[in-house]
Amino acid sequence: FPDAAVYAPPGLEQRKVADGIKFHARFGKDEPATPFADEIETCIISGSYFMEEVEFFHKASKTAIICDLIQRFPEEEASGFKGMLMKMDGLVGKNGSTPREWRFSFWPFGKGALRTSRDVMLDWNAERMIIAHGDCVKMNANVVMKQALAWI
């Protein structure tokens, strides 16, 4: 997709992992609205001292698109030592959630901002959820999101 515009979530441009990536725009409260804002809502997950990320909601299909905030790896992929760690971290199966190390990064001062982000996402009332890490949700996604984010 040579004509695609690349957007940076807050803080990514300053990280080494972004070296060599040409960003055309940024997500953020002080940034201009995206050209797709009428179709896709965004929610910045903030309050962590470690990282911020952007979650998306496609209005027409009522689909939430989640990056790292919720992870639901299939049981059959969670084997061996790595699988044991993933299970201990609460990232496996239908009850998957947020990695523990990311949870801790909101403590003690970022929980208010995180609660606000969670509430925005739950107000989407998503029917479906596409996630980057694990099994997606085809129906009742808002129920799954509420359960996965109950720790907040």
N, C-alpha and C. Protein backbone atom coordinates (compact mmCIF):
# COMPACT_ATOMS: atom_id res chain seq x y z
N PHE A 1 0.83 -1.18 0.00
CA PHE A 1 0.00 0.00 0.00
C PHE A 1 0.88 1.25 0.00
N PRO A 2 1.44 1.57 -1.12
CA PRO A 2 2.40 2.69 -1.17
C PRO A 2 1.78 4.05 -0.88
N ASP A 3 0.47 4.19 -1.02
CA ASP A 3 -0.16 5.48 -0.76
C ASP A 3 -0.78 5.58 0.62
N ALA A 4 -0.58 4.57 1.44
CA ALA A 4 -1.18 4.56 2.79
C ALA A 4 -0.52 5.61 3.67
N ALA A 5 -1.34 6.26 4.49
CA ALA A 5 -0.83 7.21 5.48
C ALA A 5 -0.53 6.45 6.76
N VAL A 6 0.61 6.72 7.37
CA VAL A 6 1.02 6.04 8.59
C VAL A 6 0.87 7.01 9.77
N TYR A 7 0.05 6.59 10.75
CA TYR A 7 -0.20 7.39 11.93
C TYR A 7 0.58 6.83 13.11
N ALA A 8 1.10 7.73 13.94
CA ALA A 8 1.85 7.32 15.13
C ALA A 8 0.99 7.51 16.38
N PRO A 9 0.95 6.48 17.24
CA PRO A 9 0.32 6.70 18.54
C PRO A 9 1.24 7.57 19.39
N PRO A 10 0.71 8.18 20.44
CA PRO A 10 1.55 9.05 21.28
C PRO A 10 2.81 8.34 21.76
N GLY A 11 3.95 9.02 21.58
CA GLY A 11 5.22 8.52 22.09
C GLY A 11 5.98 7.58 21.18
N LEU A 12 5.36 7.00 20.17
CA LEU A 12 6.05 6.01 19.34
C LEU A 12 7.19 6.62 18.54
N GLU A 13 7.02 7.81 18.03
CA GLU A 13 8.05 8.42 17.19
C GLU A 13 9.39 8.57 17.91
N GLN A 14 9.35 8.70 19.22
CA GLN A 14 10.58 8.89 19.99
C GLN A 14 11.25 7.57 20.36
N ARG A 15 10.61 6.46 20.10
CA ARG A 15 11.18 5.16 20.48
C ARG A 15 12.06 4.60 19.37
N LYS A 16 13.06 3.88 19.77
CA LYS A 16 14.02 3.30 18.83
C LYS A 16 13.34 2.38 17.81
N VAL A 17 12.29 1.69 18.23
CA VAL A 17 11.60 0.76 17.34
C VAL A 17 11.01 1.48 16.12
N ALA A 18 10.82 2.79 16.22
CA ALA A 18 10.23 3.56 15.12
C ALA A 18 11.27 4.16 14.19
N ASP A 19 12.55 3.93 14.46
CA ASP A 19 13.59 4.47 13.58
C ASP A 19 13.34 4.03 12.14
N GLY A 20 13.38 4.98 11.22
CA GLY A 20 13.23 4.67 9.81
C GLY A 20 11.79 4.65 9.32
N ILE A 21 10.83 4.80 10.21
CA ILE A 21 9.43 4.84 9.79
C ILE A 21 9.04 6.29 9.54
N LYS A 22 8.46 6.55 8.39
CA LYS A 22 8.00 7.90 8.07
C LYS A 22 6.53 8.00 8.46
N PHE A 23 6.25 8.79 9.48
CA PHE A 23 4.88 9.00 9.92
C PHE A 23 4.31 10.22 9.21
N HIS A 24 3.06 10.10 8.78
CA HIS A 24 2.38 11.19 8.09
C HIS A 24 1.55 12.03 9.05
N ALA A 25 1.14 11.43 10.17
CA ALA A 25 0.30 12.12 11.15
C ALA A 25 0.38 11.37 12.47
N ARG A 26 -0.24 11.96 13.48
CA ARG A 26 -0.24 11.39 14.82
C ARG A 26 -1.66 11.32 15.36
N PHE A 27 -1.87 10.36 16.25
CA PHE A 27 -3.10 10.33 17.03
C PHE A 27 -2.84 11.12 18.30
N GLY A 28 -3.81 11.86 18.76
CA GLY A 28 -3.66 12.59 20.01
C GLY A 28 -4.73 13.65 20.17
N LYS A 29 -4.97 14.03 21.41
CA LYS A 29 -6.03 15.02 21.68
C LYS A 29 -5.72 16.38 21.07
N ASP A 30 -4.45 16.70 20.89
CA ASP A 30 -4.08 17.99 20.32
C ASP A 30 -3.80 17.91 18.82
N GLU A 31 -4.08 16.76 18.23
CA GLU A 31 -3.84 16.56 16.79
C GLU A 31 -5.15 16.77 16.02
N PRO A 32 -5.04 17.11 14.73
CA PRO A 32 -6.26 17.26 13.93
C PRO A 32 -7.01 15.92 13.82
N ALA A 33 -8.30 16.01 13.60
CA ALA A 33 -9.10 14.80 13.42
C ALA A 33 -8.60 14.04 12.20
N THR A 34 -8.71 12.73 12.28
CA THR A 34 -8.30 11.90 11.15
C THR A 34 -9.31 12.02 10.02
N PRO A 35 -8.90 11.77 8.78
CA PRO A 35 -9.85 11.83 7.67
C PRO A 35 -10.91 10.74 7.72
N PHE A 36 -10.71 9.74 8.59
CA PHE A 36 -11.68 8.65 8.71
C PHE A 36 -12.49 8.74 9.99
N ALA A 37 -12.46 9.88 10.67
CA ALA A 37 -13.12 10.04 11.96
C ALA A 37 -14.63 9.81 11.90
N ASP A 38 -15.26 10.08 10.76
CA ASP A 38 -16.70 9.84 10.65
C ASP A 38 -17.04 8.35 10.65
N GLU A 39 -16.07 7.52 10.27
CA GLU A 39 -16.30 6.08 10.17
C GLU A 39 -15.68 5.28 11.31
N ILE A 40 -14.54 5.77 11.80
CA ILE A 40 -13.78 5.03 12.82
C ILE A 40 -13.43 5.96 13.97
N GLU A 41 -13.92 5.60 15.16
CA GLU A 41 -13.56 6.34 16.37
C GLU A 41 -12.24 5.81 16.91
N THR A 42 -11.53 6.65 17.63
CA THR A 42 -10.29 6.22 18.27
C THR A 42 -10.35 6.50 19.77
N CYS A 43 -9.60 5.71 20.51
CA CYS A 43 -9.48 5.90 21.95
C CYS A 43 -8.03 5.65 22.32
N ILE A 44 -7.39 6.66 22.87
CA ILE A 44 -6.00 6.52 23.31
C ILE A 44 -5.99 5.98 24.74
N ILE A 45 -5.31 4.86 24.91
CA ILE A 45 -5.15 4.27 26.24
C ILE A 45 -3.97 4.99 26.89
N SER A 46 -4.27 5.82 27.87
CA SER A 46 -3.22 6.61 28.50
C SER A 46 -3.22 6.39 30.01
N GLY A 47 -2.19 6.88 30.66
CA GLY A 47 -2.04 6.74 32.10
C GLY A 47 -0.87 5.84 32.49
N SER A 48 -0.33 5.11 31.53
CA SER A 48 0.81 4.22 31.79
C SER A 48 2.11 5.00 31.68
N TYR A 49 3.05 4.71 32.54
CA TYR A 49 4.36 5.32 32.39
C TYR A 49 5.20 4.58 31.36
N PHE A 50 4.69 3.47 30.85
CA PHE A 50 5.43 2.61 29.93
C PHE A 50 5.08 2.87 28.47
N MET A 51 3.77 2.95 28.15
CA MET A 51 3.38 3.14 26.76
C MET A 51 1.93 3.58 26.66
N GLU A 52 1.59 4.13 25.52
CA GLU A 52 0.21 4.44 25.17
C GLU A 52 -0.08 3.73 23.86
N GLU A 53 -1.34 3.38 23.66
CA GLU A 53 -1.72 2.81 22.38
C GLU A 53 -3.10 3.31 22.00
N VAL A 54 -3.46 3.09 20.75
CA VAL A 54 -4.73 3.56 20.23
C VAL A 54 -5.60 2.36 19.90
N GLU A 55 -6.84 2.40 20.38
CA GLU A 55 -7.83 1.39 20.03
C GLU A 55 -8.82 2.04 19.07
N PHE A 56 -9.49 1.23 18.28
CA PHE A 56 -10.36 1.75 17.22
C PHE A 56 -11.74 1.13 17.29
N PHE A 57 -12.73 1.86 16.76
CA PHE A 57 -14.09 1.35 16.68
C PHE A 57 -14.67 1.72 15.32
N HIS A 58 -14.96 0.70 14.52
CA HIS A 58 -15.60 0.90 13.22
C HIS A 58 -17.11 0.96 13.45
N LYS A 59 -17.67 2.14 13.24
CA LYS A 59 -19.06 2.39 13.62
C LYS A 59 -20.05 1.52 12.84
N ALA A 60 -19.89 1.43 11.53
CA ALA A 60 -20.87 0.73 10.69
C ALA A 60 -20.99 -0.75 11.06
N SER A 61 -19.88 -1.39 11.36
CA SER A 61 -19.91 -2.82 11.68
C SER A 61 -19.94 -3.09 13.19
N LYS A 62 -19.86 -2.01 13.99
CA LYS A 62 -19.82 -2.12 15.46
C LYS A 62 -18.68 -3.03 15.91
N THR A 63 -17.51 -2.83 15.28
CA THR A 63 -16.34 -3.66 15.57
C THR A 63 -15.25 -2.86 16.26
N ALA A 64 -14.83 -3.33 17.43
CA ALA A 64 -13.68 -2.75 18.13
C ALA A 64 -12.42 -3.43 17.61
N ILE A 65 -11.37 -2.65 17.43
CA ILE A 65 -10.08 -3.17 16.97
C ILE A 65 -9.08 -2.85 18.08
N ILE A 66 -8.58 -3.91 18.73
CA ILE A 66 -7.77 -3.78 19.94
C ILE A 66 -6.35 -4.29 19.67
N CYS A 67 -5.38 -3.51 20.11
CA CYS A 67 -3.97 -3.88 19.88
C CYS A 67 -3.46 -4.80 20.99
N ASP A 68 -2.87 -4.25 22.04
CA ASP A 68 -2.27 -5.06 23.11
C ASP A 68 -3.09 -5.10 24.39
N LEU A 69 -4.08 -4.24 24.51
CA LEU A 69 -4.81 -4.10 25.76
C LEU A 69 -5.51 -5.38 26.20
N ILE A 70 -6.07 -6.11 25.26
CA ILE A 70 -6.74 -7.38 25.56
C ILE A 70 -6.08 -8.47 24.72
N GLN A 71 -5.64 -9.54 25.40
CA GLN A 71 -4.99 -10.65 24.70
C GLN A 71 -5.70 -11.94 25.11
N ARG A 72 -6.03 -12.77 24.09
CA ARG A 72 -6.82 -13.99 24.32
C ARG A 72 -6.27 -15.13 23.48
N PHE A 73 -5.07 -15.56 23.79
CA PHE A 73 -4.43 -16.61 23.00
C PHE A 73 -5.17 -17.93 23.16
N PRO A 74 -5.31 -18.69 22.07
CA PRO A 74 -5.97 -20.00 22.15
C PRO A 74 -5.19 -20.95 23.06
N GLU A 75 -5.91 -21.78 23.79
CA GLU A 75 -5.30 -22.76 24.70
C GLU A 75 -4.25 -23.61 23.99
N GLU A 76 -4.56 -24.06 22.77
CA GLU A 76 -3.65 -24.95 22.05
C GLU A 76 -2.33 -24.28 21.67
N GLU A 77 -2.28 -22.96 21.68
CA GLU A 77 -1.04 -22.24 21.37
C GLU A 77 -0.22 -21.95 22.62
N ALA A 78 -0.77 -22.24 23.77
CA ALA A 78 -0.10 -21.92 25.03
C ALA A 78 0.50 -23.18 25.64
N SER A 79 1.58 -23.64 25.05
CA SER A 79 2.22 -24.85 25.55
C SER A 79 3.65 -24.56 25.98
N GLY A 80 4.22 -25.48 26.69
CA GLY A 80 5.61 -25.34 27.13
C GLY A 80 5.78 -24.23 28.15
N PHE A 81 7.03 -23.80 28.30
CA PHE A 81 7.35 -22.76 29.28
C PHE A 81 6.68 -21.44 28.93
N LYS A 82 6.72 -21.07 27.65
CA LYS A 82 6.09 -19.81 27.22
C LYS A 82 4.59 -19.86 27.49
N GLY A 83 3.96 -20.98 27.21
CA GLY A 83 2.53 -21.13 27.47
C GLY A 83 2.21 -21.00 28.95
N MET A 84 3.07 -21.57 29.79
CA MET A 84 2.87 -21.48 31.22
C MET A 84 2.92 -20.01 31.67
N LEU A 85 3.89 -19.26 31.14
CA LEU A 85 4.00 -17.84 31.48
C LEU A 85 2.78 -17.06 30.99
N MET A 86 2.31 -17.38 29.78
CA MET A 86 1.13 -16.70 29.23
C MET A 86 -0.10 -16.97 30.10
N LYS A 87 -0.23 -18.20 30.58
CA LYS A 87 -1.36 -18.54 31.45
C LYS A 87 -1.25 -17.80 32.78
N MET A 88 -0.05 -17.75 33.33
CA MET A 88 0.15 -17.03 34.60
C MET A 88 -0.15 -15.54 34.44
N ASP A 89 0.07 -15.04 33.23
CA ASP A 89 -0.16 -13.62 32.94
C ASP A 89 -1.62 -13.33 32.60
N GLY A 90 -2.46 -14.36 32.53
CA GLY A 90 -3.88 -14.17 32.26
C GLY A 90 -4.19 -13.83 30.81
N LEU A 91 -3.39 -14.36 29.89
CA LEU A 91 -3.53 -14.02 28.48
C LEU A 91 -4.10 -15.15 27.62
N VAL A 92 -4.53 -16.23 28.25
CA VAL A 92 -4.93 -17.43 27.49
C VAL A 92 -6.42 -17.71 27.67
N GLY A 93 -7.06 -18.06 26.58
CA GLY A 93 -8.45 -18.49 26.61
C GLY A 93 -9.45 -17.36 26.56
N LYS A 94 -10.70 -17.73 26.72
CA LYS A 94 -11.80 -16.77 26.61
C LYS A 94 -11.75 -15.68 27.68
N ASN A 95 -11.07 -15.95 28.78
CA ASN A 95 -10.98 -14.96 29.86
C ASN A 95 -9.68 -14.17 29.82
N GLY A 96 -9.04 -14.13 28.66
CA GLY A 96 -7.80 -13.36 28.51
C GLY A 96 -8.02 -11.89 28.85
N SER A 97 -6.94 -11.22 29.15
CA SER A 97 -7.04 -9.84 29.61
C SER A 97 -5.79 -9.06 29.22
N THR A 98 -5.40 -8.14 30.07
CA THR A 98 -4.25 -7.27 29.84
C THR A 98 -3.02 -7.86 30.52
N PRO A 99 -1.86 -7.85 29.84
CA PRO A 99 -0.65 -8.36 30.48
C PRO A 99 -0.39 -7.67 31.83
N ARG A 100 0.02 -8.49 32.81
CA ARG A 100 0.23 -7.97 34.17
C ARG A 100 1.25 -6.83 34.20
N GLU A 101 2.32 -6.93 33.42
CA GLU A 101 3.34 -5.87 33.47
C GLU A 101 2.78 -4.54 32.98
N TRP A 102 1.85 -4.59 32.04
CA TRP A 102 1.23 -3.35 31.58
C TRP A 102 0.26 -2.82 32.63
N ARG A 103 -0.45 -3.73 33.29
CA ARG A 103 -1.36 -3.31 34.37
C ARG A 103 -0.59 -2.53 35.43
N PHE A 104 0.56 -3.07 35.83
CA PHE A 104 1.34 -2.42 36.88
C PHE A 104 1.84 -1.04 36.46
N SER A 105 1.99 -0.81 35.17
CA SER A 105 2.53 0.47 34.71
C SER A 105 1.53 1.63 34.88
N PHE A 106 0.28 1.32 35.23
CA PHE A 106 -0.71 2.38 35.48
C PHE A 106 -0.75 2.77 36.96
N TRP A 107 -0.03 2.02 37.77
CA TRP A 107 -0.06 2.26 39.20
C TRP A 107 1.06 3.20 39.59
N PRO A 108 0.90 4.13 40.46
CA PRO A 108 -0.31 4.43 41.22
C PRO A 108 -1.12 5.59 40.65
N PHE A 109 -0.59 6.30 39.64
CA PHE A 109 -1.22 7.56 39.24
C PHE A 109 -2.02 7.53 37.95
N GLY A 110 -1.96 6.46 37.19
CA GLY A 110 -2.59 6.46 35.88
C GLY A 110 -3.95 5.81 35.78
N LYS A 111 -4.46 5.30 36.90
CA LYS A 111 -5.73 4.56 36.84
C LYS A 111 -6.90 5.45 36.42
N GLY A 112 -6.92 6.72 36.79
CA GLY A 112 -8.03 7.60 36.42
C GLY A 112 -8.13 7.76 34.91
N ALA A 113 -7.00 8.02 34.26
CA ALA A 113 -6.99 8.15 32.80
C ALA A 113 -7.37 6.83 32.14
N LEU A 114 -6.91 5.73 32.72
CA LEU A 114 -7.23 4.42 32.18
C LEU A 114 -8.72 4.13 32.30
N ARG A 115 -9.31 4.47 33.43
CA ARG A 115 -10.76 4.26 33.61
C ARG A 115 -11.55 5.06 32.57
N THR A 116 -11.11 6.28 32.31
CA THR A 116 -11.78 7.09 31.29
C THR A 116 -11.71 6.42 29.93
N SER A 117 -10.54 5.91 29.57
CA SER A 117 -10.38 5.21 28.29
C SER A 117 -11.27 3.96 28.24
N ARG A 118 -11.27 3.19 29.33
CA ARG A 118 -12.12 1.99 29.38
C ARG A 118 -13.58 2.35 29.18
N ASP A 119 -14.03 3.42 29.84
CA ASP A 119 -15.43 3.81 29.73
C ASP A 119 -15.79 4.23 28.30
N VAL A 120 -14.88 4.92 27.63
CA VAL A 120 -15.11 5.28 26.22
C VAL A 120 -15.29 4.02 25.39
N MET A 121 -14.40 3.06 25.59
CA MET A 121 -14.47 1.81 24.82
C MET A 121 -15.76 1.04 25.11
N LEU A 122 -16.17 0.98 26.36
CA LEU A 122 -17.40 0.25 26.69
C LEU A 122 -18.63 0.98 26.16
N ASP A 123 -18.57 2.30 26.08
CA ASP A 123 -19.67 3.07 25.50
C ASP A 123 -19.85 2.80 24.01
N TRP A 124 -18.83 2.25 23.37
CA TRP A 124 -18.98 1.87 21.96
C TRP A 124 -20.03 0.78 21.80
N ASN A 125 -20.22 -0.03 22.83
CA ASN A 125 -21.15 -1.16 22.77
C ASN A 125 -20.86 -2.05 21.56
N ALA A 126 -19.61 -2.45 21.44
CA ALA A 126 -19.14 -3.24 20.29
C ALA A 126 -19.82 -4.61 20.23
N GLU A 127 -20.17 -5.00 19.04
CA GLU A 127 -20.71 -6.34 18.81
C GLU A 127 -19.60 -7.33 18.49
N ARG A 128 -18.56 -6.85 17.82
CA ARG A 128 -17.43 -7.70 17.42
C ARG A 128 -16.13 -7.06 17.88
N MET A 129 -15.08 -7.89 18.00
CA MET A 129 -13.78 -7.37 18.40
C MET A 129 -12.69 -8.11 17.64
N ILE A 130 -11.84 -7.34 16.98
CA ILE A 130 -10.64 -7.87 16.34
C ILE A 130 -9.49 -7.52 17.27
N ILE A 131 -8.70 -8.51 17.63
CA ILE A 131 -7.56 -8.23 18.51
C ILE A 131 -6.27 -8.72 17.85
N ALA A 132 -5.18 -8.07 18.21
CA ALA A 132 -3.89 -8.39 17.62
C ALA A 132 -3.31 -9.70 18.16
N HIS A 133 -3.67 -10.05 19.38
CA HIS A 133 -3.05 -11.20 20.04
C HIS A 133 -4.11 -12.19 20.52
N GLY A 134 -4.49 -13.11 19.65
CA GLY A 134 -5.40 -14.16 20.07
C GLY A 134 -6.70 -14.20 19.31
N ASP A 135 -7.67 -14.86 19.93
CA ASP A 135 -8.96 -15.10 19.29
C ASP A 135 -9.82 -13.84 19.28
N CYS A 136 -10.38 -13.55 18.12
CA CYS A 136 -11.30 -12.43 17.97
C CYS A 136 -12.67 -12.83 18.49
N VAL A 137 -13.56 -11.87 18.58
CA VAL A 137 -14.90 -12.09 19.12
C VAL A 137 -15.92 -11.75 18.04
N LYS A 138 -16.82 -12.69 17.73
CA LYS A 138 -17.79 -12.50 16.65
C LYS A 138 -19.13 -11.94 17.13
N MET A 139 -19.43 -12.05 18.41
CA MET A 139 -20.67 -11.50 18.94
C MET A 139 -20.52 -11.20 20.43
N ASN A 140 -21.31 -10.23 20.91
CA ASN A 140 -21.28 -9.83 22.32
C ASN A 140 -19.89 -9.35 22.77
N ALA A 141 -19.20 -8.66 21.90
CA ALA A 141 -17.84 -8.20 22.24
C ALA A 141 -17.82 -7.28 23.44
N ASN A 142 -18.85 -6.47 23.62
CA ASN A 142 -18.85 -5.55 24.75
C ASN A 142 -18.80 -6.30 26.08
N VAL A 143 -19.46 -7.45 26.15
CA VAL A 143 -19.45 -8.28 27.36
C VAL A 143 -18.02 -8.79 27.60
N VAL A 144 -17.37 -9.25 26.55
CA VAL A 144 -15.99 -9.75 26.65
C VAL A 144 -15.05 -8.61 27.07
N MET A 145 -15.22 -7.43 26.47
CA MET A 145 -14.37 -6.29 26.82
C MET A 145 -14.56 -5.90 28.28
N LYS A 146 -15.80 -5.87 28.73
CA LYS A 146 -16.08 -5.49 30.12
C LYS A 146 -15.42 -6.48 31.08
N GLN A 147 -15.51 -7.76 30.78
CA GLN A 147 -14.90 -8.80 31.61
C GLN A 147 -13.37 -8.68 31.59
N ALA A 148 -12.80 -8.50 30.40
CA ALA A 148 -11.34 -8.43 30.27
C ALA A 148 -10.75 -7.20 30.95
N LEU A 149 -11.54 -6.14 31.05
CA LEU A 149 -11.04 -4.89 31.62
C LEU A 149 -11.58 -4.66 33.04
N ALA A 150 -12.16 -5.68 33.64
CA ALA A 150 -12.72 -5.55 34.99
C ALA A 150 -11.66 -5.23 36.04
N TRP A 151 -10.41 -5.52 35.76
CA TRP A 151 -9.32 -5.26 36.71
C TRP A 151 -9.07 -3.77 36.91
N ILE A 152 -9.56 -2.95 36.00
CA ILE A 152 -9.27 -1.51 36.04
C ILE A 152 -10.01 -0.83 37.19
